[in-house]
């Protein structure tokens, strides 16, 4: 299993790497040219595998990487590598390397795979390599500078790879944090093969949604903590580039949801694995940065569209929408800058390190822990629901947050519970959360419109009209708190699988 951490940096900082005191002189400098192979229908990619043949010091090296995971930038993948006598794959040799791993042998046994393989893209980099021993860990450090090429399209490569040769994976984070003290870095959650496939498919960065988490029935807490937190970090980081480079509201929304899930997960484990206060503060900071941008997106795309009348005709409403859009775009740029900051990189590296170090210290069953936790959250939800009343907007908000925490907790551990009961519970909580969320959107909208009126006094008239319209709508179309309360009180926790 290959374990490595990938870090992006700007070309102007390459010299700082080459001169860094932690590294010294490179052990070797290589020009590496690799061709990646797949079928026209991308058979290998669809099964989570990448196959390349690379020229290294005059020899052809065939490599297949497959499966594995990425958690907070830490790439863990199966790797099979060996020398071949040509620039084209030798599937027979690859099968011998794979041995008796039936999953990946089956992938290679696809009909006419040998005949259908073709080179799809090329990766050409100059690699500087250092062999570092630090704190009991052996790490291969590589600076890759070059490009990925597909027909007439090129994508630049400028990254550091830290590959663990021997020792503790947390040591990769510790070493990266030392480099970060002197060099601006960003974590990379996609590898060169994935970037090459993006050129092949001519695809951008689609929104990445939370993936189902599959814990074994006998999973321990030491298994569950990195699985749950890693799932949240993947949700956050797989939307990162799209938020920085694009303008799709859904990618920002998904990244913010990922942060909310992470905060909920940290709270779930707080009694057995308390998160350091500095980390909690940085997670809160990230949520605030993304939340500010997301609130304006919701105002622009959802809340203001409820207004079907306006003083002064349609022109006035268009002015308000234009002002809201300008602010939303400015907030999104601020969110992107936060993701490009060293504070964000440090947060992700430190979270990954803490997660790996905290997990082995835990004892006990994940199923038992989840059952106790869900019971506690369920009781808290019912208390919040019982206190809801129309005269206290905060009471509905507290119930919505409690529903969200219960829903996230069951989503983390759902594989340990009977499917039907878990589905019904999640469905009910999601519905309550949505109904109460619409009410909260109007509360947030009023706050944002007041801010806009202060910044844009020339538009005070239409802004005040919009505020009045939404306040009236909130009064005439309130959430049915009694019905929500009754549905929640009738809800029963699902049963653990036997």
Protein backbone atom coordinates (compact mmCIF):
# COMPACT_ATOMS: atom_id res chain seq x y z
CA UNK A 1 0.00 0.00 0.00
CA UNK A 2 1.44 3.35 -1.09
CA UNK A 3 0.91 6.19 1.42
CA UNK A 4 1.72 9.72 0.32
CA UNK A 5 0.78 13.34 0.88
CA UNK A 6 0.52 15.66 -2.12
CA UNK A 7 1.14 19.40 -1.80
CA UNK A 8 0.73 22.13 -4.42
CA UNK A 9 2.94 25.19 -4.62
CA UNK A 10 3.47 28.10 -7.01
CA UNK A 11 6.49 27.82 -9.38
CA UNK A 12 8.07 30.91 -7.84
CA UNK A 13 8.52 28.95 -4.60
CA UNK A 14 10.37 26.00 -6.16
CA UNK A 15 13.75 27.50 -5.36
CA UNK A 16 12.78 27.65 -1.67
CA UNK A 17 12.20 23.90 -1.78
CA UNK A 18 15.52 23.24 -3.51
CA UNK A 19 17.33 25.31 -0.86
CA UNK A 20 15.32 24.21 2.18
CA UNK A 21 17.48 23.21 5.18
CA UNK A 22 15.29 20.19 5.95
CA UNK A 23 16.18 18.68 2.58
CA UNK A 24 19.76 19.44 1.63
CA UNK A 25 21.03 18.33 -1.78
CA UNK A 26 18.70 16.15 -3.90
CA UNK A 27 19.60 12.47 -3.89
CA UNK A 28 18.75 12.33 -7.59
CA UNK A 29 17.19 14.33 -10.42
CA UNK A 30 15.14 12.47 -13.03
CA UNK A 31 13.19 13.28 -16.17
CA UNK A 32 10.07 11.12 -15.99
CA UNK A 33 7.74 10.60 -18.93
CA UNK A 34 4.71 8.39 -18.34
CA UNK A 35 1.87 7.35 -20.63
CA UNK A 36 -1.43 6.41 -19.02
CA UNK A 37 -3.48 3.68 -20.68
CA UNK A 38 -7.18 2.83 -20.65
CA UNK A 39 -9.96 1.72 -22.96
CA UNK A 40 -12.11 4.16 -24.98
CA UNK A 41 -14.91 3.65 -22.44
CA UNK A 42 -12.48 4.25 -19.52
CA UNK A 43 -12.84 0.76 -18.03
CA UNK A 44 -9.94 1.14 -15.61
CA UNK A 45 -10.93 4.60 -14.42
CA UNK A 46 -14.51 3.46 -13.76
CA UNK A 47 -13.14 0.73 -11.50
CA UNK A 48 -10.86 3.09 -9.59
CA UNK A 49 -7.59 2.05 -11.24
CA UNK A 50 -4.84 3.83 -13.15
CA UNK A 51 -2.29 2.14 -15.42
CA UNK A 52 0.89 3.77 -16.70
CA UNK A 53 4.21 2.90 -18.32
CA UNK A 54 7.00 5.29 -17.38
CA UNK A 55 10.52 5.73 -18.72
CA UNK A 56 12.96 5.83 -15.76
CA UNK A 57 16.73 5.93 -16.30
CA UNK A 58 16.45 4.16 -19.63
CA UNK A 59 14.09 1.41 -18.37
CA UNK A 60 10.35 0.97 -18.83
CA UNK A 61 8.44 0.66 -15.53
CA UNK A 62 4.82 -0.48 -15.52
CA UNK A 63 2.65 0.62 -12.60
CA UNK A 64 -0.99 0.10 -11.67
CA UNK A 65 -2.50 1.97 -8.73
CA UNK A 66 -5.98 1.10 -7.56
CA UNK A 67 -8.53 1.46 -4.78
CA UNK A 68 -7.54 3.07 -1.52
CA UNK A 69 -8.70 6.41 -0.17
CA UNK A 70 -7.82 10.06 0.33
CA UNK A 71 -8.17 11.59 3.79
CA UNK A 72 -7.06 15.16 4.42
CA UNK A 73 -4.70 14.93 1.47
CA UNK A 74 -3.22 11.57 2.54
CA UNK A 75 -3.42 9.22 -0.45
CA UNK A 76 -3.43 5.49 0.35
CA UNK A 77 -3.57 3.20 -2.70
CA UNK A 78 -2.68 -0.31 -3.75
CA UNK A 79 0.36 -0.22 -6.02
CA UNK A 80 1.88 -2.90 -8.26
CA UNK A 81 5.06 -1.97 -10.11
CA UNK A 82 7.62 -3.81 -12.20
CA UNK A 83 9.92 -3.48 -15.20
CA UNK A 84 8.70 -4.31 -18.70
CA UNK A 85 10.51 -4.54 -22.03
CA UNK A 86 8.49 -1.97 -23.97
CA UNK A 87 6.51 1.27 -23.75
CA UNK A 88 3.19 -0.63 -23.74
CA UNK A 89 1.58 -2.48 -20.80
CA UNK A 90 2.28 -6.17 -20.18
CA UNK A 91 -0.94 -7.38 -18.54
CA UNK A 92 0.44 -10.87 -17.93
CA UNK A 93 3.26 -9.48 -15.79
CA UNK A 94 0.81 -7.24 -14.00
CA UNK A 95 -1.40 -10.21 -13.11
CA UNK A 96 1.58 -11.98 -11.54
CA UNK A 97 2.31 -8.91 -9.40
CA UNK A 98 -1.31 -8.70 -8.26
CA UNK A 99 -1.22 -12.33 -7.17
CA UNK A 100 -4.48 -13.66 -5.72
CA UNK A 101 -6.28 -10.32 -5.24
CA UNK A 102 -9.49 -11.37 -6.99
CA UNK A 103 -10.99 -7.86 -7.11
CA UNK A 104 -8.24 -6.42 -9.30
CA UNK A 105 -7.66 -9.59 -11.31
CA UNK A 106 -11.33 -9.38 -12.29
CA UNK A 107 -10.81 -5.83 -13.52
CA UNK A 108 -7.96 -7.03 -15.76
CA UNK A 109 -10.05 -9.96 -17.01
CA UNK A 110 -12.44 -7.66 -18.90
CA UNK A 111 -13.19 -8.83 -22.44
CA UNK A 112 -10.49 -7.88 -24.95
CA UNK A 113 -8.83 -5.52 -22.48
CA UNK A 114 -5.39 -6.02 -24.01
CA UNK A 115 -6.64 -5.14 -27.50
CA UNK A 116 -8.69 -2.17 -26.36
CA UNK A 117 -5.97 -0.39 -24.36
CA UNK A 118 -4.73 2.87 -25.80
CA UNK A 119 -2.59 5.77 -24.49
CA UNK A 120 -4.88 8.56 -23.29
CA UNK A 121 -2.54 11.18 -21.87
CA UNK A 122 1.08 11.82 -21.02
CA UNK A 123 2.69 13.11 -17.82
CA UNK A 124 6.13 14.66 -18.29
CA UNK A 125 7.93 16.02 -15.21
CA UNK A 126 11.38 16.76 -13.92
CA UNK A 127 11.64 15.20 -10.48
CA UNK A 128 14.02 16.20 -7.69
CA UNK A 129 14.12 13.51 -5.00
CA UNK A 130 15.32 13.61 -1.39
CA UNK A 131 15.45 10.71 1.08
CA UNK A 132 14.69 12.12 4.51
CA UNK A 133 14.78 10.47 7.94
CA UNK A 134 13.03 12.50 10.62
CA UNK A 135 11.47 11.58 13.98
CA UNK A 136 11.81 7.88 13.21
CA UNK A 137 10.11 8.13 9.80
CA UNK A 138 11.66 7.54 6.38
CA UNK A 139 10.10 9.86 3.81
CA UNK A 140 10.79 10.23 0.11
CA UNK A 141 10.31 13.87 -0.87
CA UNK A 142 9.80 14.62 -4.57
CA UNK A 143 9.40 17.97 -6.30
CA UNK A 144 7.65 17.42 -9.66
CA UNK A 145 7.66 20.21 -12.25
CA UNK A 146 6.20 19.68 -15.71
CA UNK A 147 2.85 19.10 -17.38
CA UNK A 148 0.04 16.70 -18.24
CA UNK A 149 -0.74 16.53 -21.96
CA UNK A 150 -3.77 15.28 -23.85
CA UNK A 151 -3.66 15.99 -27.60
CA UNK A 152 -3.35 19.79 -27.81
CA UNK A 153 -4.36 20.43 -24.19
CA UNK A 154 -1.89 20.85 -21.33
CA UNK A 155 -2.23 21.23 -17.57
CA UNK A 156 0.78 22.35 -15.50
CA UNK A 157 2.23 20.21 -12.72
CA UNK A 158 4.04 21.84 -9.81
CA UNK A 159 3.79 19.79 -6.65
CA UNK A 160 5.57 18.09 -3.79
CA UNK A 161 4.94 14.43 -3.00
CA UNK A 162 5.80 13.10 0.45
CA UNK A 163 5.81 9.29 0.32
CA UNK A 164 6.09 7.31 3.54
CA UNK A 165 8.69 4.59 3.11
CA UNK A 166 8.68 3.52 6.75
CA UNK A 167 7.09 4.86 9.92
CA UNK A 168 3.91 6.60 11.07
CA UNK A 169 1.62 8.29 8.47
CA UNK A 170 1.13 11.15 10.94
CA UNK A 171 4.80 11.92 10.33
CA UNK A 172 3.91 13.09 6.80
CA UNK A 173 1.64 15.76 8.27
CA UNK A 174 4.28 16.81 10.78
CA UNK A 175 6.89 17.17 8.02
CA UNK A 176 4.48 19.09 5.79
CA UNK A 177 3.72 21.50 8.63
CA UNK A 178 7.44 22.19 8.98
CA UNK A 179 7.68 22.99 5.26
CA UNK A 180 4.59 25.19 5.56
CA UNK A 181 6.42 27.43 8.01
CA UNK A 182 8.61 28.64 5.13
CA UNK A 183 6.76 27.79 1.89
CA UNK A 184 3.13 28.57 0.93
CA UNK A 185 1.51 25.20 0.23
CA UNK A 186 -1.89 23.71 -0.52
CA UNK A 187 -3.03 20.13 -0.06
CA UNK A 188 -3.89 18.27 -3.27
CA UNK A 189 -6.68 15.70 -3.07
CA UNK A 190 -6.44 14.52 -6.67
CA UNK A 191 -3.46 12.82 -8.27
CA UNK A 192 -1.89 13.23 -11.71
CA UNK A 193 -3.95 10.39 -13.17
CA UNK A 194 -7.20 12.01 -12.05
CA UNK A 195 -6.11 15.33 -13.53
CA UNK A 196 -5.27 13.57 -16.78
CA UNK A 197 -8.69 11.95 -16.92
CA UNK A 198 -10.24 15.39 -16.47
CA UNK A 199 -8.49 16.42 -19.70
CA UNK A 200 -9.76 13.27 -21.42
CA UNK A 201 -13.34 13.85 -20.34
CA UNK A 202 -13.07 17.63 -20.75
CA UNK A 203 -14.80 17.93 -17.41
CA UNK A 204 -14.58 20.56 -14.74
CA UNK A 205 -15.07 20.12 -11.04
CA UNK A 206 -18.58 18.86 -10.33
CA UNK A 207 -20.10 19.29 -6.85
CA UNK A 208 -18.97 16.47 -4.56
CA UNK A 209 -21.63 15.25 -2.14
CA UNK A 210 -21.23 13.29 1.07
CA UNK A 211 -20.47 9.64 0.41
CA UNK A 212 -22.16 6.80 2.29
CA UNK A 213 -19.96 5.46 5.07
CA UNK A 214 -19.80 1.67 5.43
CA UNK A 215 -18.56 0.56 8.85
CA UNK A 216 -18.23 -3.13 9.68
CA UNK A 217 -20.67 -4.44 12.28
CA UNK A 218 -17.79 -5.16 14.64
CA UNK A 219 -15.96 -1.88 13.96
CA UNK A 220 -14.10 -0.43 16.92
CA UNK A 221 -14.05 3.20 17.94
CA UNK A 222 -10.46 3.39 16.75
CA UNK A 223 -11.78 2.39 13.31
CA UNK A 224 -14.80 4.67 13.44
CA UNK A 225 -13.17 7.98 14.36
CA UNK A 226 -10.80 8.24 11.35
CA UNK A 227 -13.49 6.81 9.06
CA UNK A 228 -16.09 9.39 10.12
CA UNK A 229 -13.75 12.39 10.25
CA UNK A 230 -12.04 11.31 7.04
CA UNK A 231 -15.42 11.10 5.32
CA UNK A 232 -16.16 14.69 6.36
CA UNK A 233 -12.74 15.93 5.26
CA UNK A 234 -13.17 14.29 1.86
CA UNK A 235 -16.53 16.05 1.49
CA UNK A 236 -14.85 19.39 2.22
CA UNK A 237 -11.69 18.97 0.20
CA UNK A 238 -13.19 17.45 -2.93
CA UNK A 239 -15.14 20.72 -3.40
CA UNK A 240 -12.19 22.96 -2.64
CA UNK A 241 -10.80 23.54 -6.15
CA UNK A 242 -14.27 24.15 -7.60
CA UNK A 243 -14.97 26.84 -4.99
CA UNK A 244 -11.62 28.50 -5.72
CA UNK A 245 -11.79 28.33 -9.50
CA UNK A 246 -15.50 28.21 -10.34
CA UNK A 247 -18.78 29.91 -9.57
CA UNK A 248 -21.17 26.97 -9.08
CA UNK A 249 -23.25 27.70 -5.99
CA UNK A 250 -23.70 24.00 -5.31
CA UNK A 251 -19.98 23.37 -4.80
CA UNK A 252 -19.86 26.09 -2.15
CA UNK A 253 -22.99 24.67 -0.55
CA UNK A 254 -21.52 21.17 -0.46
CA UNK A 255 -18.26 22.39 1.05
CA UNK A 256 -20.17 24.25 3.75
CA UNK A 257 -22.25 21.13 4.46
CA UNK A 258 -18.98 19.22 4.77
CA UNK A 259 -17.77 21.66 7.42
CA UNK A 260 -21.06 21.34 9.30
CA UNK A 261 -20.78 17.56 9.21
CA UNK A 262 -17.20 17.83 10.47
CA UNK A 263 -18.24 20.03 13.38
CA UNK A 264 -21.02 17.59 14.27
CA UNK A 265 -18.59 14.68 14.10
CA UNK A 266 -16.09 16.44 16.36
CA UNK A 267 -18.88 17.05 18.88
CA UNK A 268 -19.91 13.37 18.74
CA UNK A 269 -16.44 12.26 19.83
CA UNK A 270 -15.66 15.16 22.17
CA UNK A 271 -15.92 13.14 25.40
CA UNK A 272 -13.60 10.35 24.25
CA UNK A 273 -11.34 12.29 21.84
CA UNK A 274 -11.50 16.01 22.65
CA UNK A 275 -10.37 18.18 19.76
CA UNK A 276 -7.68 20.74 20.66
CA UNK A 277 -9.16 24.24 21.18
CA UNK A 278 -6.98 25.83 18.48
CA UNK A 279 -8.30 23.32 15.94
CA UNK A 280 -11.89 23.98 17.00
CA UNK A 281 -11.31 27.69 16.53
CA UNK A 282 -9.97 27.18 13.02
CA UNK A 283 -12.85 24.87 12.05
CA UNK A 284 -15.26 27.55 13.29
CA UNK A 285 -13.37 30.16 11.24
CA UNK A 286 -13.71 28.05 8.10
CA UNK A 287 -17.43 27.59 8.69
CA UNK A 288 -17.87 31.34 9.11
CA UNK A 289 -15.98 32.12 5.88
CA UNK A 290 -18.03 29.68 3.83
CA UNK A 291 -21.28 30.51 5.63
CA UNK A 292 -21.07 34.21 4.79
CA UNK A 293 -20.83 33.41 1.07
CA UNK A 294 -23.51 30.71 1.19
CA UNK A 295 -26.02 32.97 2.98
CA UNK A 296 -25.81 35.50 0.15
CA UNK A 297 -26.18 32.73 -2.44
CA UNK A 298 -29.39 31.58 -0.73
CA UNK A 299 -30.70 35.14 -0.53
CA UNK A 300 -30.02 35.69 -4.22
CA UNK A 301 -31.17 32.38 -5.69
CA UNK A 302 -33.93 31.34 -3.32
CA UNK A 303 -35.27 33.93 -0.90
CA UNK A 304 -35.56 37.02 -3.11
CA UNK A 305 -37.24 34.98 -5.84
CA UNK A 306 -40.26 34.66 -3.54
CA UNK A 307 -41.04 38.34 -4.09
CA UNK A 308 -43.50 38.71 -6.96
CA UNK A 309 -44.22 42.43 -6.60
CA UNK A 310 -42.06 45.53 -6.25
CA UNK A 311 -42.49 49.30 -5.88
CA UNK A 312 -41.40 51.25 -8.93
CA UNK A 313 -41.87 48.30 -11.28
CA UNK A 314 -39.60 45.44 -12.24
CA UNK A 315 -36.60 47.75 -12.70
CA UNK A 316 -36.35 48.30 -8.94
CA UNK A 317 -36.30 44.58 -8.23
CA UNK A 318 -33.61 44.07 -10.85
CA UNK A 319 -31.53 46.71 -9.07
CA UNK A 320 -31.88 44.84 -5.79
CA UNK A 321 -30.95 41.53 -7.41
CA UNK A 322 -27.91 43.16 -9.02
CA UNK A 323 -26.71 44.55 -5.69
CA UNK A 324 -27.25 41.20 -4.00
CA UNK A 325 -25.35 39.45 -6.78
CA UNK A 326 -22.40 41.83 -6.46
CA UNK A 327 -22.23 41.16 -2.73
CA UNK A 328 -22.58 37.39 -3.23
CA UNK A 329 -19.70 37.41 -5.71
CA UNK A 330 -17.54 39.46 -3.34
CA UNK A 331 -18.27 37.04 -0.48
CA UNK A 332 -17.40 34.10 -2.71
CA UNK A 333 -14.05 35.69 -3.57
CA UNK A 334 -13.40 36.13 0.15
CA UNK A 335 -14.23 32.44 0.71
CA UNK A 336 -11.83 31.46 -2.09
CA UNK A 337 -9.06 33.54 -0.53
CA UNK A 338 -9.66 31.79 2.79
CA UNK A 339 -9.13 28.44 1.05
CA UNK A 340 -5.92 29.70 -0.52
CA UNK A 341 -4.59 30.86 2.85
CA UNK A 342 -1.92 29.09 4.87
CA UNK A 343 -4.36 28.99 7.78
CA UNK A 344 -6.60 26.67 5.78
CA UNK A 345 -3.71 24.42 4.73
CA UNK A 346 -2.45 24.29 8.32
CA UNK A 347 -5.95 23.41 9.52
CA UNK A 348 -6.29 20.49 7.10
CA UNK A 349 -2.81 19.14 7.89
CA UNK A 350 -3.29 19.48 11.64
CA UNK A 351 -6.72 17.84 11.52
CA UNK A 352 -5.29 14.91 9.60
CA UNK A 353 -2.45 14.52 12.08
CA UNK A 354 -4.68 14.78 15.14
CA UNK A 355 -7.14 12.27 13.71
CA UNK A 356 -4.45 9.65 13.11
CA UNK A 357 -2.90 10.15 16.54
CA UNK A 358 -6.20 10.16 18.47
CA UNK A 359 -7.72 7.03 16.90
CA UNK A 360 -5.33 4.37 18.32
CA UNK A 361 -5.98 5.62 21.87
CA UNK A 362 -9.69 4.74 21.71
CA UNK A 363 -11.27 1.55 23.05
CA UNK A 364 -14.73 0.13 22.69
CA UNK A 365 -17.34 -0.76 20.12
CA UNK A 366 -18.56 1.69 17.46
CA UNK A 367 -22.05 0.16 17.60
CA UNK A 368 -22.32 0.60 21.37
CA UNK A 369 -20.98 4.14 21.18
CA UNK A 370 -23.38 5.08 18.38
CA UNK A 371 -26.40 3.63 20.19
CA UNK A 372 -25.63 5.62 23.34
CA UNK A 373 -24.93 8.78 21.30
CA UNK A 374 -28.12 8.52 19.22
CA UNK A 375 -30.22 8.01 22.36
CA UNK A 376 -28.74 11.17 23.87
CA UNK A 377 -29.29 13.20 20.69
CA UNK A 378 -32.86 11.90 20.35
CA UNK A 379 -33.77 12.98 23.87
CA UNK A 380 -32.21 16.39 23.24
CA UNK A 381 -34.21 16.75 20.00
CA UNK A 382 -37.49 15.97 21.74
CA UNK A 383 -36.76 18.53 24.47
CA UNK A 384 -36.05 21.19 21.85
CA UNK A 385 -39.19 20.29 19.92
CA UNK A 386 -41.36 20.48 23.04
CA UNK A 387 -40.16 24.05 23.67
CA UNK A 388 -40.85 25.36 20.16
CA UNK A 389 -43.35 28.19 19.94
CA UNK A 390 -44.28 30.76 17.29
CA UNK A 391 -43.30 33.72 19.45
CA UNK A 392 -39.68 32.55 19.82
CA UNK A 393 -37.88 32.21 16.47
CA UNK A 394 -34.77 30.91 18.25
CA UNK A 395 -36.68 27.89 19.57
CA UNK A 396 -37.33 26.64 16.02
CA UNK A 397 -33.70 27.25 15.11
CA UNK A 398 -32.50 25.20 18.09
CA UNK A 399 -34.79 22.34 17.08
CA UNK A 400 -33.49 22.47 13.50
CA UNK A 401 -29.89 22.25 14.75
CA UNK A 402 -30.80 19.30 17.00
CA UNK A 403 -32.46 17.53 14.06
CA UNK A 404 -29.39 18.15 11.95
CA UNK A 405 -27.04 16.71 14.60
CA UNK A 406 -29.18 13.61 14.96
CA UNK A 407 -29.37 13.14 11.21
CA UNK A 408 -25.63 13.50 10.69
CA UNK A 409 -24.89 11.08 13.54
CA UNK A 410 -27.12 8.38 12.08
CA UNK A 411 -25.70 8.97 8.60
CA UNK A 412 -22.21 8.36 10.00
CA UNK A 413 -23.26 5.07 11.62
CA UNK A 414 -26.18 4.02 9.40
CA UNK A 415 -24.47 0.83 8.19
CA UNK A 416 -24.68 -0.52 11.76
CA UNK A 417 -28.50 -0.17 11.85
CA UNK A 418 -31.44 -1.88 10.21
CA UNK A 419 -32.02 -0.23 6.87
CA UNK A 420 -35.78 0.37 7.07
CA UNK A 421 -35.75 1.99 10.51
CA UNK A 422 -32.71 4.11 9.68
CA UNK A 423 -34.29 5.29 6.41
CA UNK A 424 -37.53 6.36 8.11
CA UNK A 425 -35.67 8.17 10.88
CA UNK A 426 -33.44 10.05 8.46
CA UNK A 427 -36.37 10.92 6.20
CA UNK A 428 -38.35 12.42 9.09
CA UNK A 429 -35.41 14.45 10.41
CA UNK A 430 -34.56 15.75 6.93
CA UNK A 431 -38.17 16.87 6.39
CA UNK A 432 -38.27 18.70 9.74
CA UNK A 433 -34.91 20.28 9.01
CA UNK A 434 -36.13 21.53 5.60
CA UNK A 435 -39.35 23.01 6.96
CA UNK A 436 -37.60 24.80 9.80
CA UNK A 437 -34.80 25.81 7.43
CA UNK A 438 -37.15 27.79 5.22
CA UNK A 439 -38.15 29.79 8.27
CA UNK A 440 -34.48 30.34 9.16
CA UNK A 441 -33.70 31.49 5.60
CA UNK A 442 -36.16 34.36 6.05
CA UNK A 443 -34.55 35.35 9.36
CA UNK A 444 -31.10 35.38 7.74
CA UNK A 445 -32.46 37.27 4.72
CA UNK A 446 -33.72 40.08 6.92
CA UNK A 447 -30.29 40.45 8.52
CA UNK A 448 -28.54 40.51 5.14
CA UNK A 449 -30.97 43.06 3.71
CA UNK A 450 -30.36 45.34 6.68
CA UNK A 451 -26.60 45.10 5.98
CA UNK A 452 -27.22 45.85 2.31
CA UNK A 453 -29.31 48.91 3.16
CA UNK A 454 -26.43 50.30 5.23
CA UNK A 455 -23.94 49.74 2.39
CA UNK A 456 -26.26 50.88 -0.42
CA UNK A 457 -28.42 53.72 0.96
CA UNK A 458 -29.54 54.73 -2.56
CA UNK A 459 -31.50 51.45 -2.77
CA UNK A 460 -33.10 51.79 0.68
CA UNK A 461 -36.63 51.97 -0.74
CA UNK A 462 -36.68 48.66 -2.59
CA UNK A 463 -34.66 46.98 0.18
CA UNK A 464 -37.19 48.02 2.82
CA UNK A 465 -40.01 46.85 0.58
CA UNK A 466 -38.31 43.44 0.20
CA UNK A 467 -37.82 43.19 3.96
CA UNK A 468 -41.46 43.99 4.60
CA UNK A 469 -42.63 41.53 1.97
CA UNK A 470 -40.57 38.67 3.41
CA UNK A 471 -41.55 39.48 7.00
CA UNK A 472 -45.21 39.42 5.95
CA UNK A 473 -44.68 36.13 4.15
CA UNK A 474 -43.10 34.69 7.26
CA UNK A 475 -46.12 35.79 9.30
CA UNK A 476 -48.70 34.46 6.83
CA UNK A 477 -46.90 31.22 5.97
CA UNK A 478 -45.30 30.07 9.22
CA UNK A 479 -43.94 26.58 9.71
CA UNK A 480 -46.47 24.26 11.35
CA UNK A 481 -44.53 23.76 14.58
CA UNK A 482 -47.23 21.58 16.15
CA UNK A 483 -47.20 19.14 13.22
CA UNK A 484 -43.39 19.01 13.22
CA UNK A 485 -43.39 18.45 16.98
CA UNK A 486 -45.90 15.59 16.69
CA UNK A 487 -43.93 13.85 13.95
CA UNK A 488 -40.72 14.07 15.97
CA UNK A 489 -42.37 12.76 19.15
CA UNK A 490 -43.77 9.80 17.21
CA UNK A 491 -40.32 8.94 15.88
CA UNK A 492 -38.53 5.84 17.11
CA UNK A 493 -34.81 5.21 16.98
CA UNK A 494 -33.75 2.42 14.58
CA UNK A 495 -32.42 -0.89 15.91
CA UNK A 496 -28.81 -2.02 15.62
CA UNK A 497 -28.29 -4.96 13.25
CA UNK A 498 -27.90 -8.32 14.96
